[in-house]
C-alpha atoms as a PDB file:
ATOM      1  CA  MET A   1     -10.410  -3.129 -15.225  1.00  0.00           C
ATOM      2  CA  PRO A   2     -12.470  -3.151 -18.714  1.00  0.00           C
ATOM      3  CA  PHE A   3      -8.984  -4.654 -20.326  1.00  0.00           C
ATOM      4  CA  THR A   4      -8.515  -7.500 -17.402  1.00  0.00           C
ATOM      5  CA  ASN A   5      -8.097 -10.896 -19.030  1.00  0.00           C
ATOM      6  CA  ARG A   6      -8.133  -8.708 -22.541  1.00  0.00           C
ATOM      7  CA  THR A   7      -5.827  -9.449 -25.443  1.00  0.00           C
ATOM      8  CA  VAL A   8      -4.343  -7.195 -27.304  1.00  0.00           C
ATOM      9  CA  LEU A   9      -1.948  -7.404 -30.032  1.00  0.00           C
ATOM     10  CA  ILE A  10       0.978  -3.937 -31.569  1.00  0.00           C
ATOM     11  CA  THR A  11       2.547  -3.977 -33.977  1.00  0.00           C
ATOM     12  CA  GLY A  12       5.637  -1.664 -33.470  1.00  0.00           C
ATOM     13  CA  ALA A  13       5.490  -1.776 -29.302  1.00  0.00           C
ATOM     14  CA  SER A  14       9.036  -1.888 -29.118  1.00  0.00           C
ATOM     15  CA  ARG A  15       9.227   2.204 -28.355  1.00  0.00           C
ATOM     16  CA  GLY A  16       7.568   4.997 -29.010  1.00  0.00           C
ATOM     17  CA  ILE A  17       3.612   5.285 -29.467  1.00  0.00           C
ATOM     18  CA  GLY A  18       3.616   1.318 -29.678  1.00  0.00           C
ATOM     19  CA  LYS A  19       5.218   1.069 -26.061  1.00  0.00           C
ATOM     20  CA  ALA A  20       3.193   3.704 -25.094  1.00  0.00           C
ATOM     21  CA  MET A  21      -0.715   2.398 -25.677  1.00  0.00           C
ATOM     22  CA  ALA A  22       0.873  -1.543 -24.639  1.00  0.00           C
ATOM     23  CA  LEU A  23       2.107   0.557 -21.178  1.00  0.00           C
ATOM     24  CA  ARG A  24      -1.576   2.387 -21.028  1.00  0.00           C
ATOM     25  CA  LEU A  25      -3.286  -0.744 -21.682  1.00  0.00           C
ATOM     26  CA  ALA A  26      -1.071  -2.772 -19.107  1.00  0.00           C
ATOM     27  CA  ARG A  27      -2.129  -0.687 -16.278  1.00  0.00           C
ATOM     28  CA  GLU A  28      -5.557  -1.718 -17.235  1.00  0.00           C
ATOM     29  CA  GLY A  29      -4.499  -5.791 -17.038  1.00  0.00           C
ATOM     30  CA  ALA A  30      -4.408  -6.389 -20.540  1.00  0.00           C
ATOM     31  CA  ASN A  31      -2.336  -9.031 -21.912  1.00  0.00           C
ATOM     32  CA  ILE A  32       0.183  -7.692 -24.430  1.00  0.00           C
ATOM     33  CA  VAL A  33       1.788  -8.657 -27.515  1.00  0.00           C
ATOM     34  CA  ILE A  34       4.962  -6.994 -28.590  1.00  0.00           C
ATOM     35  CA  ALA A  35       5.025  -7.406 -32.238  1.00  0.00           C
ATOM     36  CA  ALA A  36       7.805  -5.824 -33.242  1.00  0.00           C
ATOM     37  CA  LYS A  37      11.429  -5.938 -35.578  1.00  0.00           C
ATOM     38  CA  SER A  38      13.698  -5.076 -32.660  1.00  0.00           C
ATOM     39  CA  ILE A  39      15.851  -7.707 -30.440  1.00  0.00           C
ATOM     40  CA  GLU A  40      18.854  -5.937 -30.301  1.00  0.00           C
ATOM     41  CA  GLU A  41      19.129  -2.469 -28.659  1.00  0.00           C
ATOM     42  CA  ASP A  42      19.821   0.615 -31.617  1.00  0.00           C
ATOM     43  CA  PRO A  43      21.262   3.282 -29.573  1.00  0.00           C
ATOM     44  CA  ARG A  44      19.082   5.716 -32.088  1.00  0.00           C
ATOM     45  CA  LEU A  45      16.417   4.698 -31.746  1.00  0.00           C
ATOM     46  CA  GLY A  46      15.865   2.601 -28.329  1.00  0.00           C
ATOM     47  CA  GLY A  47      14.079   0.162 -26.661  1.00  0.00           C
ATOM     48  CA  THR A  48      13.894  -3.910 -28.100  1.00  0.00           C
ATOM     49  CA  ILE A  49      10.490  -6.230 -27.463  1.00  0.00           C
ATOM     50  CA  PHE A  50      11.871  -7.674 -25.033  1.00  0.00           C
ATOM     51  CA  SER A  51      12.810  -3.973 -22.757  1.00  0.00           C
ATOM     52  CA  ALA A  52       8.815  -3.587 -23.395  1.00  0.00           C
ATOM     53  CA  ALA A  53       7.993  -7.201 -22.272  1.00  0.00           C
ATOM     54  CA  ARG A  54       9.694  -6.071 -19.180  1.00  0.00           C
ATOM     55  CA  GLU A  55       8.292  -2.484 -18.705  1.00  0.00           C
ATOM     56  CA  VAL A  56       4.566  -4.059 -19.698  1.00  0.00           C
ATOM     57  CA  GLU A  57       4.503  -6.431 -17.269  1.00  0.00           C
ATOM     58  CA  ALA A  58       5.957  -4.010 -14.883  1.00  0.00           C
ATOM     59  CA  ALA A  59       2.780  -1.819 -15.068  1.00  0.00           C
ATOM     60  CA  GLY A  60       0.962  -4.988 -14.362  1.00  0.00           C
ATOM     61  CA  GLY A  61      -0.082  -6.602 -17.450  1.00  0.00           C
ATOM     62  CA  LYS A  62       1.468  -9.892 -19.331  1.00  0.00           C
ATOM     63  CA  ALA A  63       3.137  -9.325 -22.553  1.00  0.00           C
ATOM     64  CA  LEU A  64       4.473 -11.972 -24.547  1.00  0.00           C
ATOM     65  CA  ALA A  65       7.455 -10.614 -27.300  1.00  0.00           C
ATOM     66  CA  MET A  66       7.077 -11.904 -30.717  1.00  0.00           C
ATOM     67  CA  GLN A  67      10.141 -10.725 -32.797  1.00  0.00           C
ATOM     68  CA  VAL A  68       7.828  -9.793 -35.888  1.00  0.00           C
ATOM     69  CA  ASP A  69       8.969  -7.314 -39.577  1.00  0.00           C
ATOM     70  CA  ILE A  70       4.862  -7.493 -40.806  1.00  0.00           C
ATOM     71  CA  ARG A  71       6.605  -7.561 -44.290  1.00  0.00           C
ATOM     72  CA  HIS A  72       6.953 -11.058 -44.169  1.00  0.00           C
ATOM     73  CA  GLU A  73       3.091 -12.989 -43.646  1.00  0.00           C
ATOM     74  CA  GLU A  74       4.933 -16.059 -41.760  1.00  0.00           C
ATOM     75  CA  GLN A  75       5.793 -13.857 -38.830  1.00  0.00           C
ATOM     76  CA  ILE A  76       2.632 -12.159 -38.276  1.00  0.00           C
ATOM     77  CA  LEU A  77       1.191 -16.580 -38.531  1.00  0.00           C
ATOM     78  CA  ALA A  78       3.889 -17.258 -35.771  1.00  0.00           C
ATOM     79  CA  ALA A  79       1.964 -14.280 -33.798  1.00  0.00           C
ATOM     80  CA  VAL A  80      -1.027 -14.729 -33.339  1.00  0.00           C
ATOM     81  CA  GLN A  81      -0.494 -18.147 -32.730  1.00  0.00           C
ATOM     82  CA  GLN A  82       1.220 -17.821 -30.575  1.00  0.00           C
ATOM     83  CA  ALA A  83      -0.840 -15.040 -29.025  1.00  0.00           C
ATOM     84  CA  VAL A  84      -4.110 -17.276 -29.130  1.00  0.00           C
ATOM     85  CA  ALA A  85      -2.422 -20.137 -27.309  1.00  0.00           C
ATOM     86  CA  THR A  86      -0.378 -18.185 -24.744  1.00  0.00           C
ATOM     87  CA  PHE A  87      -3.918 -15.825 -23.622  1.00  0.00           C
ATOM     88  CA  GLY A  88      -6.384 -18.082 -24.985  1.00  0.00           C
ATOM     89  CA  GLY A  89      -7.436 -15.140 -28.218  1.00  0.00           C
ATOM     90  CA  ILE A  90      -7.135 -12.077 -29.068  1.00  0.00           C
ATOM     91  CA  ASP A  91      -9.471  -9.353 -28.404  1.00  0.00           C
ATOM     92  CA  VAL A  92      -7.904  -6.393 -29.703  1.00  0.00           C
ATOM     93  CA  VAL A  93      -5.252  -5.161 -32.587  1.00  0.00           C
ATOM     94  CA  ILE A  94      -3.092  -1.915 -32.803  1.00  0.00           C
ATOM     95  CA  ASN A  95      -1.695  -1.225 -36.044  1.00  0.00           C
ATOM     96  CA  ASN A  96       0.782   1.044 -35.259  1.00  0.00           C
ATOM     97  CA  ALA A  97       3.551  -0.563 -37.336  1.00  0.00           C
ATOM     98  CA  SER A  98       4.241   1.978 -40.176  1.00  0.00           C
ATOM     99  CA  ALA A  99       7.177   3.110 -42.571  1.00  0.00           C
ATOM    100  CA  ILE A 100       7.756   6.931 -42.928  1.00  0.00           C
ATOM    101  CA  GLN A 101      10.068   9.270 -46.335  1.00  0.00           C
ATOM    102  CA  LEU A 102       8.693  12.362 -46.769  1.00  0.00           C
ATOM    103  CA  THR A 103      10.232  13.392 -50.010  1.00  0.00           C
ATOM    104  CA  PRO A 104       8.828  13.961 -53.106  1.00  0.00           C
ATOM    105  CA  THR A 105       8.563  12.537 -55.931  1.00  0.00           C
ATOM    106  CA  GLU A 106      12.386  12.693 -57.537  1.00  0.00           C
ATOM    107  CA  GLN A 107      13.920  11.878 -54.355  1.00  0.00           C
ATOM    108  CA  THR A 108      11.772   9.294 -53.007  1.00  0.00           C
ATOM    109  CA  GLU A 109      13.746   5.810 -54.148  1.00  0.00           C
ATOM    110  CA  SER A 110      11.804   2.643 -55.849  1.00  0.00           C
ATOM    111  CA  LYS A 111      12.809   0.381 -52.743  1.00  0.00           C
ATOM    112  CA  ARG A 112      11.224   3.849 -50.178  1.00  0.00           C
ATOM    113  CA  PHE A 113       8.372   3.314 -51.881  1.00  0.00           C
ATOM    114  CA  ASP A 114       7.813  -0.407 -51.834  1.00  0.00           C
ATOM    115  CA  LEU A 115       8.677  -0.524 -48.079  1.00  0.00           C
ATOM    116  CA  MET A 116       6.248   1.822 -47.440  1.00  0.00           C
ATOM    117  CA  GLN A 117       3.556  -0.029 -49.117  1.00  0.00           C
ATOM    118  CA  SER A 118       5.350  -3.191 -47.682  1.00  0.00           C
ATOM    119  CA  ILE A 119       4.748  -2.294 -44.413  1.00  0.00           C
ATOM    120  CA  ASN A 120       1.634   0.543 -44.401  1.00  0.00           C
ATOM    121  CA  VAL A 121      -0.229  -1.196 -46.597  1.00  0.00           C
ATOM    122  CA  ARG A 122       0.161  -5.064 -47.455  1.00  0.00           C
ATOM    123  CA  GLY A 123       1.328  -5.407 -43.588  1.00  0.00           C
ATOM    124  CA  THR A 124      -1.292  -3.664 -41.656  1.00  0.00           C
ATOM    125  CA  PHE A 125      -4.036  -5.952 -44.302  1.00  0.00           C
ATOM    126  CA  LEU A 126      -1.968  -8.893 -43.054  1.00  0.00           C
ATOM    127  CA  VAL A 127      -2.084  -8.686 -39.327  1.00  0.00           C
ATOM    128  CA  VAL A 128      -5.679  -7.814 -39.576  1.00  0.00           C
ATOM    129  CA  LYS A 129      -6.572 -10.810 -41.758  1.00  0.00           C
ATOM    130  CA  HIS A 130      -4.659 -13.329 -39.226  1.00  0.00           C
ATOM    131  CA  CYS A 131      -5.845 -12.268 -36.487  1.00  0.00           C
ATOM    132  CA  LEU A 132      -9.984 -11.832 -37.961  1.00  0.00           C
ATOM    133  CA  PRO A 133     -10.915 -15.165 -36.948  1.00  0.00           C
ATOM    134  CA  TYR A 134      -9.622 -15.009 -33.388  1.00  0.00           C
ATOM    135  CA  LEU A 135     -11.458 -11.387 -32.625  1.00  0.00           C
ATOM    136  CA  ARG A 136     -14.576 -12.928 -34.852  1.00  0.00           C
ATOM    137  CA  LYS A 137     -14.265 -14.519 -30.971  1.00  0.00           C
ATOM    138  CA  GLY A 138     -13.136 -11.715 -28.867  1.00  0.00           C
ATOM    139  CA  LYS A 139     -14.304  -9.509 -25.695  1.00  0.00           C
ATOM    140  CA  ASN A 140     -15.030  -6.540 -26.661  1.00  0.00           C
ATOM    141  CA  PRO A 141     -13.462  -6.857 -30.107  1.00  0.00           C
ATOM    142  CA  HIS A 142     -11.600  -3.409 -31.461  1.00  0.00           C
ATOM    143  CA  ILE A 143      -9.038  -2.902 -34.639  1.00  0.00           C
ATOM    144  CA  LEU A 144      -7.295   0.805 -34.153  1.00  0.00           C
ATOM    145  CA  THR A 145      -5.619   2.355 -36.539  1.00  0.00           C
ATOM    146  CA  LEU A 146      -2.860   4.665 -36.330  1.00  0.00           C
ATOM    147  CA  SER A 147      -3.273   6.527 -39.414  1.00  0.00           C
ATOM    148  CA  PRO A 148      -4.791   9.894 -40.191  1.00  0.00           C
ATOM    149  CA  PRO A 149      -8.254  11.420 -41.690  1.00  0.00           C
ATOM    150  CA  VAL A 150      -8.628  11.301 -45.429  1.00  0.00           C
ATOM    151  CA  ASN A 151      -8.243  14.725 -47.273  1.00  0.00           C
ATOM    152  CA  MET A 152      -8.048  14.487 -50.995  1.00  0.00           C
ATOM    153  CA  HIS A 153      -7.820  18.333 -51.431  1.00  0.00           C
ATOM    154  CA  PRO A 154      -4.195  18.269 -53.346  1.00  0.00           C
ATOM    155  CA  LYS A 155      -2.223  19.896 -50.954  1.00  0.00           C
ATOM    156  CA  TRP A 156      -2.367  16.773 -48.295  1.00  0.00           C
ATOM    157  CA  LEU A 157      -1.178  15.356 -51.530  1.00  0.00           C
ATOM    158  CA  GLY A 158       1.956  16.794 -52.991  1.00  0.00           C
ATOM    159  CA  GLY A 159       4.451  17.245 -49.949  1.00  0.00           C
ATOM    160  CA  HIS A 160       5.024  13.960 -49.316  1.00  0.00           C
ATOM    161  CA  ILE A 161       2.584  11.775 -51.824  1.00  0.00           C
ATOM    162  CA  ALA A 162       4.311   8.721 -51.268  1.00  0.00           C
ATOM    163  CA  TYR A 163       4.025   8.252 -47.797  1.00  0.00           C
ATOM    164  CA  THR A 164       1.050  10.031 -47.882  1.00  0.00           C
ATOM    165  CA  ILE A 165      -0.837   7.790 -49.967  1.00  0.00           C
ATOM    166  CA  THR A 166       0.319   4.806 -47.949  1.00  0.00           C
ATOM    167  CA  LYS A 167      -0.918   6.100 -44.459  1.00  0.00           C
ATOM    168  CA  TYR A 168      -4.264   7.403 -47.014  1.00  0.00           C
ATOM    169  CA  SER A 169      -4.544   4.243 -47.118  1.00  0.00           C
ATOM    170  CA  MET A 170      -4.312   2.418 -43.818  1.00  0.00           C
ATOM    171  CA  SER A 171      -7.541   4.489 -43.248  1.00  0.00           C
ATOM    172  CA  MET A 172      -9.270   3.362 -46.104  1.00  0.00           C
ATOM    173  CA  LEU A 173      -8.512   0.002 -44.353  1.00  0.00           C
ATOM    174  CA  ALA A 174      -9.515   1.016 -41.327  1.00  0.00           C
ATOM    175  CA  LEU A 175     -12.975   2.504 -42.524  1.00  0.00           C
ATOM    176  CA  GLY A 176     -13.190  -0.549 -44.618  1.00  0.00           C
ATOM    177  CA  TRP A 177     -13.084  -2.835 -42.241  1.00  0.00           C
ATOM    178  CA  ALA A 178     -15.399  -0.884 -40.173  1.00  0.00           C
ATOM    179  CA  ALA A 179     -18.851  -1.531 -42.475  1.00  0.00           C
ATOM    180  CA  GLU A 180     -17.398  -4.988 -43.693  1.00  0.00           C
ATOM    181  CA  PHE A 181     -17.012  -6.595 -39.585  1.00  0.00           C
ATOM    182  CA  LYS A 182     -19.508  -4.366 -38.920  1.00  0.00           C
ATOM    183  CA  GLY A 183     -22.271  -7.679 -38.665  1.00  0.00           C
ATOM    184  CA  ALA A 184     -19.808  -9.564 -36.662  1.00  0.00           C
ATOM    185  CA  GLY A 185     -19.350  -6.901 -33.973  1.00  0.00           C
ATOM    186  CA  ILE A 186     -15.865  -6.119 -34.801  1.00  0.00           C
ATOM    187  CA  ALA A 187     -15.339  -2.163 -34.856  1.00  0.00           C
ATOM    188  CA  SER A 188     -12.557  -0.365 -36.844  1.00  0.00           C
ATOM    189  CA  ASN A 189     -10.967   3.488 -36.110  1.00  0.00           C
ATOM    190  CA  ALA A 190      -8.790   5.125 -37.143  1.00  0.00           C
ATOM    191  CA  LEU A 191      -6.197   7.439 -34.828  1.00  0.00           C
ATOM    192  CA  TRP A 192      -4.029  10.211 -35.532  1.00  0.00           C
ATOM    193  CA  PRO A 193      -2.902  13.270 -33.485  1.00  0.00           C
ATOM    194  CA  ARG A 194      -3.580  16.815 -33.674  1.00  0.00           C
ATOM    195  CA  THR A 195       0.260  18.160 -33.106  1.00  0.00           C
ATOM    196  CA  THR A 196       3.788  15.977 -33.488  1.00  0.00           C
ATOM    197  CA  ILE A 197       4.823  13.753 -31.051  1.00  0.00           C
ATOM    198  CA  ASP A 198       8.090  13.429 -29.261  1.00  0.00           C
ATOM    199  CA  THR A 199       9.156  10.481 -31.392  1.00  0.00           C
ATOM    200  CA  ALA A 200      12.194   8.620 -33.075  1.00  0.00           C
ATOM    201  CA  ALA A 201      10.984   9.281 -35.837  1.00  0.00           C
ATOM    202  CA  VAL A 202      10.710  13.438 -34.726  1.00  0.00           C
ATOM    203  CA  ARG A 203      14.320  13.412 -33.455  1.00  0.00           C
ATOM    204  CA  ASN A 204      16.432  11.075 -36.003  1.00  0.00           C
ATOM    205  CA  LEU A 205      14.331  11.996 -39.212  1.00  0.00           C
ATOM    206  CA  LEU A 206      11.945  15.235 -38.795  1.00  0.00           C
ATOM    207  CA  GLY A 207      12.919  17.912 -37.354  1.00  0.00           C
ATOM    208  CA  GLY A 208      15.694  16.705 -34.060  1.00  0.00           C
ATOM    209  CA  GLU A 209      15.143  18.060 -30.538  1.00  0.00           C
ATOM    210  CA  ALA A 210      13.869  21.246 -31.440  1.00  0.00           C
ATOM    211  CA  LEU A 211      11.146  20.056 -32.775  1.00  0.00           C
ATOM    212  CA  ALA A 212      10.924  17.335 -30.085  1.00  0.00           C
ATOM    213  CA  LYS A 213      10.127  20.486 -27.727  1.00  0.00           C
ATOM    214  CA  MET A 214       7.432  22.131 -29.619  1.00  0.00           C
ATOM    215  CA  SER A 215       5.659  18.384 -29.535  1.00  0.00           C
ATOM    216  CA  ARG A 216       3.490  16.380 -27.026  1.00  0.00           C
ATOM    217  CA  THR A 217       4.889  12.732 -25.376  1.00  0.00           C
ATOM    218  CA  PRO A 218       2.880   9.769 -27.092  1.00  0.00           C
ATOM    219  CA  ASP A 219       1.448   9.124 -23.433  1.00  0.00           C
ATOM    220  CA  ILE A 220      -2.004  11.658 -24.958  1.00  0.00           C
ATOM    221  CA  ILE A 221      -2.402   8.771 -27.948  1.00  0.00           C
ATOM    222  CA  ALA A 222      -1.747   5.750 -26.083  1.00  0.00           C
ATOM    223  CA  ASP A 223      -5.286   7.564 -23.294  1.00  0.00           C
ATOM    224  CA  ALA A 224      -7.052   7.908 -26.173  1.00  0.00           C
ATOM    225  CA  ALA A 225      -6.489   4.528 -27.192  1.00  0.00           C
ATOM    226  CA  TYR A 226      -7.811   3.502 -24.205  1.00  0.00           C
ATOM    227  CA  TYR A 227     -10.633   5.604 -23.851  1.00  0.00           C
ATOM    228  CA  ILE A 228     -11.784   4.303 -27.745  1.00  0.00           C
ATOM    229  CA  LEU A 229     -11.247   0.517 -26.772  1.00  0.00           C
ATOM    230  CA  ARG A 230     -12.733   1.097 -23.700  1.00  0.00           C
ATOM    231  CA  LYS A 231     -15.946   1.821 -25.417  1.00  0.00           C
ATOM    232  CA  PRO A 232     -18.648  -0.761 -26.691  1.00  0.00           C
ATOM    233  CA  ALA A 233     -17.536  -2.344 -30.359  1.00  0.00           C
ATOM    234  CA  ALA A 234     -20.754  -1.821 -31.538  1.00  0.00           C
ATOM    235  CA  GLN A 235     -21.319   1.696 -30.589  1.00  0.00           C
ATOM    236  CA  CYS A 236     -18.024   3.003 -31.550  1.00  0.00           C
ATOM    237  CA  SER A 237     -16.867   1.750 -35.388  1.00  0.00           C
ATOM    238  CA  GLY A 238     -16.173   3.828 -38.538  1.00  0.00           C
ATOM    239  CA  ASN A 239     -14.349   7.230 -37.282  1.00  0.00           C
ATOM    240  CA  THR A 240     -10.871   8.691 -38.304  1.00  0.00           C
ATOM    241  CA  PHE A 241      -9.935  10.050 -34.666  1.00  0.00           C
ATOM    242  CA  ILE A 242      -8.256  13.190 -33.918  1.00  0.00           C
ATOM    243  CA  ASP A 243      -6.597  12.697 -30.493  1.00  0.00           C
ATOM    244  CA  GLU A 244      -7.956  16.017 -28.435  1.00  0.00           C
ATOM    245  CA  GLU A 245     -10.816  15.061 -30.063  1.00  0.00           C
ATOM    246  CA  VAL A 246     -11.079  11.885 -28.298  1.00  0.00           C
ATOM    247  CA  MET A 247      -9.870  13.726 -24.965  1.00  0.00           C
ATOM    248  CA  ALA A 248     -12.407  16.663 -25.145  1.00  0.00           C
ATOM    249  CA  ALA A 249     -15.498  14.184 -25.911  1.00  0.00           C
ATOM    250  CA  GLU A 250     -14.188  12.686 -22.331  1.00  0.00           C
ATOM    251  CA  GLY A 251     -14.642  16.254 -20.744  1.00  0.00           C
ATOM    252  CA  ILE A 252     -10.802  16.001 -20.660  1.00  0.00           C
ATOM    253  CA  THR A 253      -9.311  20.297 -22.246  1.00  0.00           C
ATOM    254  CA  ASP A 254      -6.448  21.035 -20.382  1.00  0.00           C
ATOM    255  CA  LEU A 255      -3.696  19.055 -21.996  1.00  0.00           C
ATOM    256  CA  ASP A 256      -1.192  20.818 -20.682  1.00  0.00           C
ATOM    257  CA  LYS A 257       0.648  17.734 -18.981  1.00  0.00           C
ATOM    258  CA  TYR A 258       1.090  15.765 -22.500  1.00  0.00           C
ATOM    259  CA  SER A 259       3.416  18.890 -23.566  1.00  0.00           C
ATOM    260  CA  VAL A 260       7.072  18.059 -23.778  1.00  0.00           C
ATOM    261  CA  VAL A 261       7.590  21.650 -23.059  1.00  0.00           C
ATOM    262  CA  PRO A 262       4.597  22.620 -20.688  1.00  0.00           C
ATOM    263  CA  GLY A 263       3.500  25.467 -21.993  1.00  0.00           C
ATOM    264  CA  ALA A 264       5.850  25.846 -25.822  1.00  0.00           C
ATOM    265  CA  GLU A 265       3.977  26.612 -29.126  1.00  0.00           C
ATOM    266  CA  LEU A 266       3.310  23.243 -30.617  1.00  0.00           C
ATOM    267  CA  TYR A 267       3.639  21.669 -34.300  1.00  0.00           C
ATOM    268  CA  ARG A 268       0.926  21.076 -35.946  1.00  0.00           C
ATOM    269  CA  ASP A 269       1.211  17.268 -37.497  1.00  0.00           C
ATOM    270  CA  LEU A 270       1.475  16.586 -41.317  1.00  0.00           C
ATOM    271  CA  PHE A 271      -2.090  16.136 -42.370  1.00  0.00           C
ATOM    272  CA  VAL A 272      -4.478  17.806 -40.240  1.00  0.00           C
END
């Protein structure tokens, strides 16, 4: 299996899309570093780093649960050092942790603006910075960032500019790293869904149960990530992938199994 003895560090992997990717790669034999904040379960969100680790090991992978708030550089460093001490290196980094608030300018408090900048942009940058020495020595090293294609048409920016600029910044990081690390043989790509995904954010912040029923499960992102990360790094870098396009390239066009409600009309994501 292509992920046997490869170590994957995933931020925000205690639930939702991050956990789905962890479980998908664990089934392929990967070592998973679960770098997330939750050590006590919030009933609105579900899951902790410890429950996710148990699921990873039940799926066939090895797990390391590390409490990490990527706003704090010392916590990132501790997780990276413990990952290397436990598994011998880091081969893949998945930048999944992100903060969201879909408000217009007047309704966006400065503390929420700063939170999104510090997690989505600064935190993502620092995770890769501190993993980089080990990625350089990794087996088929990849960076995968959960962020959308960059489209500078005003309509994509106008609705919730504070959030949008942070997600676009994450994509710019992904594309910049593809160029910067090309000589080191490290791939860097972004991945984003065509439709909304049934996560705690969708249920609690965006549209509740009604929107969840018009969404796909996180498994489609997990499968798309698997197909990207198994490709040779030298041949797959500098892309802003959409999940449906990744699946189609693998010959998979019937995606109904990923719908929360099979056959339901799906709601397109904010950025596509």
